[in-house]
Amino acid sequence: MKERPILFSAPMVRAILDGSKTQTRRIVNIDRTVGASQEKLAGVILNQSPHIRPYGVAGDRLWVRETFNADWCETLLFAADGGSAKDAGYSSEPKWKPSIFMPRKLSRIDLEVTAVRVERLQEISEEDAKAEGCKALGLRPFNARWAYRNLWQEINGAGSWDLNPWVWVIEFRRIRP
C-alpha cells in the first residue's frame, strides 16, 4: 500500500465530509508519454501502465490537502469548515495557506482508493457525476452531469469541457475522519 497526497478545493472537501463525493477526475499527464501518437497514448492509458499511475491502485491511500491555517492561536483551521475566525470570537481573519503547502501531519482526511480507471471526460455518467458531489437541479437539462460540466469549466477554464481530455477516474471511500 502506498500513500499519496491529493488536493481538493473547499467545496469538494465539504462534499467528501458529507459523504456525497466518492470519485474525482484528474487530467492524465501526457508529459509522461512524450512522443506517443494519440492512438498509442490511448492504448498506454487504457492499459494503465504502472509507470503512469499517479493516483495508485485499489487499496492505496490518499491524504487530502486542503486550504488551511496552522498558525492561528494554536488552533488548526480549515477553509472548508466555513464560518470565520471572527465568528469564533477572534479579532481578525487568519491568512489562509494554499492546499499545496499542507504537510501530511496536518491532514485530517484519509481516503482509500477503491478503483482507478481512465476515460474521456465527457464519458461521465449521471451516476458518476453524482459521485463527484454534483446534484441535479431538478429540471432537464440541469442534471448532475450538467452541474459537473459547469464545475469542470469553473476549475479548468472556459472551453475545457469541449477539449474532452483523458482523465483518471479515482473512486474512493473515506477512512478518516
N, C-alpha and C. Protein backbone atom coordinates (compact mmCIF):
# COMPACT_ATOMS: atom_id res chain seq x y z
N MET A 1 0.84 -1.18 0.00
CA MET A 1 0.00 0.00 0.00
C MET A 1 0.89 1.24 0.00
N LYS A 2 0.54 2.19 -0.88
CA LYS A 2 1.26 3.46 -0.93
C LYS A 2 0.33 4.57 -0.49
N GLU A 3 0.92 5.65 0.02
CA GLU A 3 0.18 6.85 0.38
C GLU A 3 0.62 7.99 -0.50
N ARG A 4 -0.35 8.77 -0.99
CA ARG A 4 -0.05 9.90 -1.85
C ARG A 4 -0.93 11.07 -1.45
N PRO A 5 -0.44 12.31 -1.64
CA PRO A 5 -1.30 13.46 -1.38
C PRO A 5 -2.20 13.74 -2.58
N ILE A 6 -3.33 14.38 -2.32
CA ILE A 6 -4.23 14.82 -3.38
C ILE A 6 -4.89 16.12 -2.93
N LEU A 7 -4.96 17.10 -3.82
CA LEU A 7 -5.52 18.40 -3.49
C LEU A 7 -7.02 18.45 -3.79
N PHE A 8 -7.76 19.08 -2.88
CA PHE A 8 -9.18 19.32 -3.09
C PHE A 8 -9.52 20.74 -2.67
N SER A 9 -10.46 21.36 -3.38
CA SER A 9 -10.96 22.69 -3.02
C SER A 9 -11.89 22.56 -1.82
N ALA A 10 -12.18 23.68 -1.18
CA ALA A 10 -13.05 23.68 0.00
C ALA A 10 -14.42 23.07 -0.29
N PRO A 11 -15.09 23.41 -1.41
CA PRO A 11 -16.40 22.78 -1.67
C PRO A 11 -16.29 21.26 -1.84
N MET A 12 -15.20 20.79 -2.44
CA MET A 12 -15.04 19.35 -2.62
C MET A 12 -14.72 18.66 -1.29
N VAL A 13 -13.99 19.33 -0.41
CA VAL A 13 -13.74 18.77 0.92
C VAL A 13 -15.06 18.63 1.66
N ARG A 14 -15.91 19.65 1.57
CA ARG A 14 -17.21 19.57 2.23
C ARG A 14 -18.02 18.39 1.68
N ALA A 15 -17.95 18.17 0.36
CA ALA A 15 -18.68 17.05 -0.25
C ALA A 15 -18.11 15.70 0.21
N ILE A 16 -16.80 15.61 0.40
CA ILE A 16 -16.21 14.39 0.94
C ILE A 16 -16.70 14.16 2.37
N LEU A 17 -16.67 15.22 3.17
CA LEU A 17 -17.08 15.09 4.57
C LEU A 17 -18.55 14.75 4.73
N ASP A 18 -19.41 15.25 3.82
CA ASP A 18 -20.83 14.91 3.95
C ASP A 18 -21.19 13.60 3.26
N GLY A 19 -20.19 12.96 2.64
CA GLY A 19 -20.39 11.64 2.04
C GLY A 19 -20.91 11.65 0.61
N SER A 20 -21.09 12.83 0.01
CA SER A 20 -21.64 12.88 -1.35
C SER A 20 -20.57 12.76 -2.43
N LYS A 21 -19.29 12.88 -2.08
CA LYS A 21 -18.21 12.77 -3.07
C LYS A 21 -17.42 11.50 -2.82
N THR A 22 -17.46 10.60 -3.79
CA THR A 22 -16.72 9.33 -3.70
C THR A 22 -15.88 9.07 -4.95
N GLN A 23 -15.79 10.08 -5.81
CA GLN A 23 -14.97 9.99 -7.03
C GLN A 23 -14.32 11.35 -7.28
N THR A 24 -13.21 11.29 -8.00
CA THR A 24 -12.62 12.51 -8.52
C THR A 24 -12.00 12.21 -9.87
N ARG A 25 -11.94 13.20 -10.72
CA ARG A 25 -11.33 13.07 -12.03
C ARG A 25 -10.17 14.04 -12.13
N ARG A 26 -9.05 13.54 -12.66
CA ARG A 26 -7.85 14.35 -12.83
C ARG A 26 -7.32 14.12 -14.23
N ILE A 27 -6.88 15.19 -14.88
CA ILE A 27 -6.37 15.09 -16.25
C ILE A 27 -5.14 14.20 -16.28
N VAL A 28 -5.09 13.31 -17.27
CA VAL A 28 -3.93 12.44 -17.46
C VAL A 28 -2.76 13.31 -17.90
N ASN A 29 -1.62 13.13 -17.25
CA ASN A 29 -0.41 13.89 -17.57
C ASN A 29 0.24 13.29 -18.80
N ILE A 30 0.05 13.93 -19.93
CA ILE A 30 0.55 13.41 -21.20
C ILE A 30 2.08 13.50 -21.28
N ASP A 31 2.69 14.38 -20.48
CA ASP A 31 4.15 14.53 -20.49
C ASP A 31 4.86 13.21 -20.18
N ARG A 32 4.19 12.32 -19.47
CA ARG A 32 4.83 11.05 -19.11
C ARG A 32 4.93 10.09 -20.28
N THR A 33 4.27 10.42 -21.38
CA THR A 33 4.31 9.56 -22.56
C THR A 33 4.73 10.38 -23.78
N VAL A 34 5.75 11.19 -23.60
CA VAL A 34 6.23 12.07 -24.67
C VAL A 34 6.55 11.27 -25.93
N GLY A 35 6.13 11.78 -27.06
CA GLY A 35 6.43 11.16 -28.33
C GLY A 35 5.40 10.14 -28.78
N ALA A 36 4.41 9.86 -27.96
CA ALA A 36 3.42 8.86 -28.33
C ALA A 36 2.34 9.47 -29.22
N SER A 37 1.89 8.73 -30.21
CA SER A 37 0.76 9.17 -31.02
C SER A 37 -0.50 9.09 -30.16
N GLN A 38 -1.58 9.73 -30.62
CA GLN A 38 -2.83 9.68 -29.87
C GLN A 38 -3.31 8.24 -29.70
N GLU A 39 -3.17 7.42 -30.77
CA GLU A 39 -3.62 6.03 -30.69
C GLU A 39 -2.77 5.25 -29.67
N LYS A 40 -1.46 5.44 -29.75
CA LYS A 40 -0.58 4.74 -28.82
C LYS A 40 -0.81 5.24 -27.41
N LEU A 41 -0.98 6.55 -27.27
CA LEU A 41 -1.24 7.13 -25.96
C LEU A 41 -2.51 6.53 -25.36
N ALA A 42 -3.57 6.45 -26.16
CA ALA A 42 -4.82 5.88 -25.67
C ALA A 42 -4.61 4.44 -25.22
N GLY A 43 -3.83 3.67 -25.99
CA GLY A 43 -3.55 2.29 -25.61
C GLY A 43 -2.78 2.19 -24.31
N VAL A 44 -1.79 3.04 -24.13
CA VAL A 44 -0.99 3.04 -22.89
C VAL A 44 -1.87 3.41 -21.71
N ILE A 45 -2.67 4.46 -21.90
CA ILE A 45 -3.54 4.90 -20.82
C ILE A 45 -4.55 3.82 -20.46
N LEU A 46 -5.19 3.26 -21.47
CA LEU A 46 -6.22 2.26 -21.21
C LEU A 46 -5.64 1.01 -20.56
N ASN A 47 -4.39 0.71 -20.87
CA ASN A 47 -3.73 -0.43 -20.22
C ASN A 47 -3.20 -0.05 -18.84
N GLN A 48 -3.26 1.24 -18.50
CA GLN A 48 -2.82 1.74 -17.21
C GLN A 48 -1.45 1.21 -16.82
N SER A 49 -0.48 1.45 -17.67
CA SER A 49 0.88 1.04 -17.37
C SER A 49 1.28 1.56 -16.00
N PRO A 50 1.95 0.74 -15.19
CA PRO A 50 2.27 1.12 -13.82
C PRO A 50 3.08 2.41 -13.70
N HIS A 51 3.91 2.73 -14.68
CA HIS A 51 4.74 3.92 -14.55
C HIS A 51 3.99 5.23 -14.76
N ILE A 52 2.72 5.17 -15.13
CA ILE A 52 1.97 6.41 -15.29
C ILE A 52 0.71 6.42 -14.43
N ARG A 53 0.70 5.72 -13.30
CA ARG A 53 -0.46 5.71 -12.40
C ARG A 53 -0.19 6.61 -11.19
N PRO A 54 -0.37 7.92 -11.33
CA PRO A 54 -0.02 8.82 -10.24
C PRO A 54 -0.96 8.75 -9.04
N TYR A 55 -2.11 8.12 -9.18
CA TYR A 55 -3.05 8.05 -8.06
C TYR A 55 -3.16 6.65 -7.48
N GLY A 56 -2.27 5.77 -7.91
CA GLY A 56 -2.19 4.45 -7.32
C GLY A 56 -3.21 3.47 -7.86
N VAL A 57 -3.42 2.44 -7.06
CA VAL A 57 -4.33 1.35 -7.42
C VAL A 57 -5.23 1.09 -6.22
N ALA A 58 -6.24 0.25 -6.42
CA ALA A 58 -7.14 -0.10 -5.34
C ALA A 58 -6.34 -0.57 -4.12
N GLY A 59 -6.70 -0.06 -2.97
CA GLY A 59 -6.00 -0.40 -1.74
C GLY A 59 -5.00 0.65 -1.29
N ASP A 60 -4.53 1.48 -2.22
CA ASP A 60 -3.64 2.57 -1.85
C ASP A 60 -4.44 3.65 -1.12
N ARG A 61 -3.72 4.57 -0.49
CA ARG A 61 -4.38 5.63 0.27
C ARG A 61 -3.98 7.00 -0.25
N LEU A 62 -4.93 7.91 -0.14
CA LEU A 62 -4.71 9.31 -0.49
C LEU A 62 -4.96 10.14 0.76
N TRP A 63 -4.10 11.11 1.00
CA TRP A 63 -4.39 12.04 2.09
C TRP A 63 -4.69 13.40 1.47
N VAL A 64 -5.74 14.02 1.99
CA VAL A 64 -6.28 15.23 1.40
C VAL A 64 -5.52 16.46 1.85
N ARG A 65 -5.09 17.22 0.86
CA ARG A 65 -4.52 18.55 1.10
C ARG A 65 -5.63 19.56 0.84
N GLU A 66 -5.84 20.46 1.80
CA GLU A 66 -6.88 21.47 1.67
C GLU A 66 -6.36 22.80 2.21
N THR A 67 -7.03 23.88 1.87
CA THR A 67 -6.66 25.20 2.35
C THR A 67 -6.77 25.22 3.87
N PHE A 68 -5.74 25.74 4.54
CA PHE A 68 -5.67 25.65 5.99
C PHE A 68 -4.91 26.83 6.58
N ASN A 69 -4.93 26.91 7.91
CA ASN A 69 -4.09 27.84 8.65
C ASN A 69 -3.70 27.14 9.94
N ALA A 70 -2.41 26.93 10.12
CA ALA A 70 -1.93 26.23 11.31
C ALA A 70 -1.35 27.17 12.35
N ASP A 71 -1.29 28.46 12.05
CA ASP A 71 -0.65 29.41 12.96
C ASP A 71 -1.65 30.25 13.74
N TRP A 72 -2.90 29.91 13.67
CA TRP A 72 -3.94 30.75 14.23
C TRP A 72 -4.23 30.35 15.67
N CYS A 73 -3.65 31.07 16.59
CA CYS A 73 -3.90 30.85 18.02
C CYS A 73 -3.78 29.38 18.40
N GLU A 74 -2.80 28.72 17.81
CA GLU A 74 -2.53 27.31 18.08
C GLU A 74 -3.72 26.40 17.77
N THR A 75 -4.62 26.87 16.93
CA THR A 75 -5.77 26.08 16.52
C THR A 75 -5.70 25.88 15.02
N LEU A 76 -5.82 24.65 14.59
CA LEU A 76 -5.80 24.35 13.16
C LEU A 76 -7.18 24.66 12.57
N LEU A 77 -7.20 25.53 11.56
CA LEU A 77 -8.45 25.91 10.90
C LEU A 77 -8.43 25.42 9.46
N PHE A 78 -9.60 25.06 8.95
CA PHE A 78 -9.75 24.61 7.57
C PHE A 78 -10.77 25.49 6.86
N ALA A 79 -10.42 25.97 5.69
CA ALA A 79 -11.33 26.84 4.93
C ALA A 79 -12.64 26.13 4.62
N ALA A 80 -12.60 24.83 4.42
CA ALA A 80 -13.80 24.08 4.06
C ALA A 80 -14.84 24.05 5.18
N ASP A 81 -14.42 24.34 6.41
CA ASP A 81 -15.36 24.29 7.52
C ASP A 81 -16.30 25.49 7.56
N GLY A 82 -16.04 26.49 6.71
CA GLY A 82 -16.92 27.65 6.64
C GLY A 82 -16.82 28.50 7.89
N GLY A 83 -17.72 29.43 8.01
CA GLY A 83 -17.66 30.34 9.15
C GLY A 83 -16.41 31.19 9.07
N SER A 84 -16.07 31.82 10.15
CA SER A 84 -14.88 32.65 10.17
C SER A 84 -14.30 32.67 11.56
N ALA A 85 -13.06 33.15 11.64
CA ALA A 85 -12.41 33.29 12.93
C ALA A 85 -13.16 34.31 13.78
N LYS A 86 -13.72 35.34 13.13
CA LYS A 86 -14.49 36.34 13.88
C LYS A 86 -15.71 35.70 14.53
N ASP A 87 -16.31 34.73 13.83
CA ASP A 87 -17.46 34.02 14.42
C ASP A 87 -17.06 33.28 15.68
N ALA A 88 -15.78 32.87 15.74
CA ALA A 88 -15.28 32.13 16.90
C ALA A 88 -14.77 33.07 18.00
N GLY A 89 -14.93 34.39 17.79
CA GLY A 89 -14.53 35.33 18.83
C GLY A 89 -13.16 35.96 18.65
N TYR A 90 -12.48 35.68 17.54
CA TYR A 90 -11.17 36.28 17.29
C TYR A 90 -11.34 37.63 16.61
N SER A 91 -10.36 38.50 16.74
CA SER A 91 -10.49 39.87 16.24
C SER A 91 -10.20 40.01 14.75
N SER A 92 -9.52 39.07 14.14
CA SER A 92 -9.21 39.18 12.72
C SER A 92 -9.21 37.81 12.07
N GLU A 93 -9.21 37.81 10.75
CA GLU A 93 -9.23 36.57 10.00
C GLU A 93 -7.80 36.01 9.84
N PRO A 94 -7.66 34.70 9.77
CA PRO A 94 -6.34 34.11 9.54
C PRO A 94 -5.88 34.30 8.10
N LYS A 95 -4.61 34.13 7.86
CA LYS A 95 -4.08 34.11 6.50
C LYS A 95 -4.10 32.67 6.03
N TRP A 96 -4.95 32.38 5.09
CA TRP A 96 -5.10 31.01 4.61
C TRP A 96 -3.89 30.60 3.80
N LYS A 97 -3.49 29.35 3.96
CA LYS A 97 -2.37 28.78 3.20
C LYS A 97 -2.94 27.86 2.14
N PRO A 98 -2.43 27.95 0.92
CA PRO A 98 -2.92 27.07 -0.16
C PRO A 98 -2.71 25.60 0.17
N SER A 99 -3.62 24.80 -0.33
CA SER A 99 -3.59 23.36 -0.04
C SER A 99 -2.27 22.70 -0.44
N ILE A 100 -1.61 23.19 -1.47
CA ILE A 100 -0.36 22.57 -1.94
C ILE A 100 0.70 22.56 -0.84
N PHE A 101 0.59 23.46 0.13
CA PHE A 101 1.59 23.55 1.20
C PHE A 101 1.22 22.77 2.45
N MET A 102 0.10 22.09 2.45
CA MET A 102 -0.29 21.33 3.65
C MET A 102 0.61 20.12 3.84
N PRO A 103 1.27 20.03 5.01
CA PRO A 103 2.09 18.84 5.28
C PRO A 103 1.20 17.66 5.71
N ARG A 104 1.69 16.48 5.54
CA ARG A 104 0.94 15.26 5.88
C ARG A 104 0.41 15.30 7.31
N LYS A 105 1.23 15.77 8.23
CA LYS A 105 0.85 15.71 9.65
C LYS A 105 -0.38 16.56 9.98
N LEU A 106 -0.72 17.52 9.12
CA LEU A 106 -1.88 18.36 9.36
C LEU A 106 -3.14 17.88 8.63
N SER A 107 -2.99 16.90 7.77
CA SER A 107 -4.14 16.41 7.01
C SER A 107 -5.12 15.72 7.95
N ARG A 108 -6.40 15.99 7.74
CA ARG A 108 -7.42 15.39 8.60
C ARG A 108 -8.26 14.35 7.88
N ILE A 109 -8.08 14.22 6.56
CA ILE A 109 -8.91 13.30 5.79
C ILE A 109 -8.04 12.30 5.04
N ASP A 110 -8.30 11.03 5.27
CA ASP A 110 -7.64 9.95 4.54
C ASP A 110 -8.68 9.22 3.71
N LEU A 111 -8.27 8.85 2.50
CA LEU A 111 -9.15 8.14 1.58
C LEU A 111 -8.50 6.85 1.16
N GLU A 112 -9.29 5.81 0.99
CA GLU A 112 -8.78 4.56 0.42
C GLU A 112 -9.25 4.47 -1.02
N VAL A 113 -8.33 4.26 -1.94
CA VAL A 113 -8.67 4.11 -3.35
C VAL A 113 -9.37 2.76 -3.51
N THR A 114 -10.55 2.78 -4.12
CA THR A 114 -11.28 1.53 -4.35
C THR A 114 -11.21 1.09 -5.81
N ALA A 115 -10.96 2.04 -6.71
CA ALA A 115 -10.82 1.71 -8.13
C ALA A 115 -10.18 2.89 -8.86
N VAL A 116 -9.44 2.58 -9.90
CA VAL A 116 -8.85 3.60 -10.77
C VAL A 116 -9.05 3.15 -12.21
N ARG A 117 -9.54 4.06 -13.01
CA ARG A 117 -9.70 3.77 -14.44
C ARG A 117 -9.43 5.05 -15.22
N VAL A 118 -9.37 4.91 -16.52
CA VAL A 118 -9.14 6.04 -17.40
C VAL A 118 -10.28 6.10 -18.40
N GLU A 119 -10.77 7.32 -18.67
CA GLU A 119 -11.81 7.50 -19.66
C GLU A 119 -11.73 8.93 -20.19
N ARG A 120 -12.47 9.20 -21.24
CA ARG A 120 -12.58 10.57 -21.73
C ARG A 120 -13.54 11.32 -20.81
N LEU A 121 -13.26 12.57 -20.57
CA LEU A 121 -14.03 13.38 -19.65
C LEU A 121 -15.53 13.33 -19.92
N GLN A 122 -15.92 13.47 -21.17
CA GLN A 122 -17.34 13.55 -21.50
C GLN A 122 -18.06 12.21 -21.40
N GLU A 123 -17.35 11.14 -21.07
CA GLU A 123 -17.99 9.84 -20.86
C GLU A 123 -18.63 9.73 -19.49
N ILE A 124 -18.48 10.75 -18.65
CA ILE A 124 -19.04 10.69 -17.30
C ILE A 124 -20.56 10.44 -17.35
N SER A 125 -21.01 9.52 -16.55
CA SER A 125 -22.44 9.19 -16.49
C SER A 125 -23.12 10.08 -15.44
N GLU A 126 -24.43 10.05 -15.44
CA GLU A 126 -25.19 10.79 -14.44
C GLU A 126 -24.85 10.31 -13.03
N GLU A 127 -24.74 8.99 -12.86
CA GLU A 127 -24.40 8.44 -11.54
C GLU A 127 -22.99 8.85 -11.11
N ASP A 128 -22.05 8.83 -12.05
CA ASP A 128 -20.68 9.25 -11.72
C ASP A 128 -20.64 10.74 -11.38
N ALA A 129 -21.43 11.55 -12.05
CA ALA A 129 -21.47 12.98 -11.73
C ALA A 129 -21.98 13.19 -10.31
N LYS A 130 -22.95 12.38 -9.90
CA LYS A 130 -23.43 12.45 -8.52
C LYS A 130 -22.34 12.02 -7.55
N ALA A 131 -21.56 10.98 -7.93
CA ALA A 131 -20.45 10.52 -7.09
C ALA A 131 -19.34 11.56 -7.01
N GLU A 132 -19.32 12.49 -7.94
CA GLU A 132 -18.37 13.62 -7.91
C GLU A 132 -18.84 14.71 -6.96
N GLY A 133 -20.02 14.53 -6.38
CA GLY A 133 -20.55 15.50 -5.43
C GLY A 133 -21.49 16.51 -6.06
N CYS A 134 -21.86 16.31 -7.33
CA CYS A 134 -22.75 17.25 -8.03
C CYS A 134 -24.20 16.79 -7.88
N LYS A 135 -25.09 17.76 -7.86
CA LYS A 135 -26.51 17.46 -7.71
C LYS A 135 -27.29 17.98 -8.90
N ALA A 136 -28.33 17.25 -9.25
CA ALA A 136 -29.24 17.71 -10.29
C ALA A 136 -30.03 18.90 -9.75
N LEU A 137 -30.35 19.82 -10.63
CA LEU A 137 -31.11 21.00 -10.21
C LEU A 137 -32.61 20.82 -10.41
N GLY A 138 -33.02 19.63 -10.83
CA GLY A 138 -34.43 19.33 -10.91
C GLY A 138 -35.02 19.30 -12.31
N LEU A 139 -34.69 20.24 -13.13
CA LEU A 139 -35.27 20.30 -14.47
C LEU A 139 -34.24 19.95 -15.52
N ARG A 140 -34.65 19.19 -16.54
CA ARG A 140 -33.72 18.88 -17.62
C ARG A 140 -33.40 20.15 -18.36
N PRO A 141 -32.25 20.40 -18.88
CA PRO A 141 -31.10 19.51 -18.89
C PRO A 141 -30.20 19.72 -17.67
N PHE A 142 -30.74 20.29 -16.60
CA PHE A 142 -29.92 20.64 -15.44
C PHE A 142 -29.76 19.45 -14.50
N ASN A 143 -29.18 18.37 -15.02
CA ASN A 143 -28.94 17.18 -14.24
C ASN A 143 -27.55 17.25 -13.59
N ALA A 144 -27.16 16.23 -12.86
CA ALA A 144 -25.86 16.22 -12.18
C ALA A 144 -24.71 16.28 -13.19
N ARG A 145 -24.88 15.65 -14.33
CA ARG A 145 -23.83 15.68 -15.37
C ARG A 145 -23.63 17.11 -15.86
N TRP A 146 -24.70 17.85 -16.05
CA TRP A 146 -24.61 19.25 -16.47
C TRP A 146 -23.92 20.07 -15.37
N ALA A 147 -24.27 19.81 -14.11
CA ALA A 147 -23.63 20.51 -13.00
C ALA A 147 -22.14 20.20 -12.96
N TYR A 148 -21.77 18.94 -13.24
CA TYR A 148 -20.36 18.58 -13.25
C TYR A 148 -19.62 19.28 -14.39
N ARG A 149 -20.25 19.37 -15.55
CA ARG A 149 -19.65 20.08 -16.69
C ARG A 149 -19.32 21.52 -16.29
N ASN A 150 -20.26 22.18 -15.61
CA ASN A 150 -20.03 23.56 -15.17
C ASN A 150 -18.93 23.63 -14.12
N LEU A 151 -18.91 22.69 -13.20
CA LEU A 151 -17.84 22.65 -12.18
C LEU A 151 -16.48 22.46 -12.84
N TRP A 152 -16.40 21.53 -13.81
CA TRP A 152 -15.14 21.27 -14.51
C TRP A 152 -14.62 22.55 -15.16
N GLN A 153 -15.50 23.28 -15.82
CA GLN A 153 -15.08 24.50 -16.51
C GLN A 153 -14.73 25.61 -15.51
N GLU A 154 -15.38 25.63 -14.38
CA GLU A 154 -15.03 26.61 -13.34
C GLU A 154 -13.61 26.36 -12.83
N ILE A 155 -13.25 25.10 -12.67
CA ILE A 155 -11.92 24.73 -12.17
C ILE A 155 -10.86 24.82 -13.26
N ASN A 156 -11.18 24.34 -14.45
CA ASN A 156 -10.18 24.19 -15.52
C ASN A 156 -10.24 25.23 -16.63
N GLY A 157 -11.20 26.13 -16.57
CA GLY A 157 -11.28 27.21 -17.55
C GLY A 157 -12.34 26.99 -18.61
N ALA A 158 -12.79 28.11 -19.16
CA ALA A 158 -13.81 28.08 -20.21
C ALA A 158 -13.32 27.23 -21.38
N GLY A 159 -14.20 26.40 -21.91
CA GLY A 159 -13.87 25.56 -23.05
C GLY A 159 -13.15 24.27 -22.71
N SER A 160 -12.77 24.08 -21.44
CA SER A 160 -12.01 22.88 -21.07
C SER A 160 -12.84 21.60 -21.20
N TRP A 161 -14.14 21.69 -21.03
CA TRP A 161 -15.01 20.52 -21.21
C TRP A 161 -14.98 20.06 -22.66
N ASP A 162 -15.00 21.01 -23.58
CA ASP A 162 -15.03 20.70 -25.00
C ASP A 162 -13.76 20.01 -25.49
N LEU A 163 -12.66 20.17 -24.77
CA LEU A 163 -11.40 19.51 -25.14
C LEU A 163 -11.48 18.00 -24.91
N ASN A 164 -12.40 17.58 -24.04
CA ASN A 164 -12.64 16.17 -23.75
C ASN A 164 -11.34 15.39 -23.50
N PRO A 165 -10.54 15.82 -22.51
CA PRO A 165 -9.27 15.14 -22.26
C PRO A 165 -9.46 13.75 -21.65
N TRP A 166 -8.39 12.96 -21.73
CA TRP A 166 -8.36 11.71 -20.98
C TRP A 166 -8.21 12.09 -19.51
N VAL A 167 -8.97 11.39 -18.65
CA VAL A 167 -8.90 11.67 -17.22
C VAL A 167 -8.76 10.37 -16.43
N TRP A 168 -8.06 10.49 -15.32
CA TRP A 168 -8.04 9.41 -14.34
C TRP A 168 -9.34 9.53 -13.56
N VAL A 169 -10.03 8.44 -13.37
CA VAL A 169 -11.22 8.39 -12.52
C VAL A 169 -10.81 7.63 -11.28
N ILE A 170 -10.75 8.32 -10.17
CA ILE A 170 -10.33 7.70 -8.91
C ILE A 170 -11.56 7.57 -8.03
N GLU A 171 -11.93 6.34 -7.72
CA GLU A 171 -13.02 6.08 -6.80
C GLU A 171 -12.41 5.81 -5.43
N PHE A 172 -13.08 6.30 -4.38
CA PHE A 172 -12.51 6.18 -3.04
C PHE A 172 -13.60 6.09 -1.99
N ARG A 173 -13.16 5.69 -0.81
CA ARG A 173 -14.03 5.76 0.37
C ARG A 173 -13.25 6.46 1.46
N ARG A 174 -13.95 7.25 2.25
CA ARG A 174 -13.30 7.98 3.33
C ARG A 174 -13.03 7.03 4.49
N ILE A 175 -11.79 7.04 4.99
CA ILE A 175 -11.47 6.19 6.14
C ILE A 175 -11.13 7.01 7.39
N ARG A 176 -10.91 8.32 7.22
CA ARG A 176 -10.68 9.20 8.36
C ARG A 176 -11.03 10.59 7.91
N PRO A 177 -11.77 11.36 8.64
CA PRO A 177 -12.30 11.06 9.98
C PRO A 177 -13.52 10.19 9.88
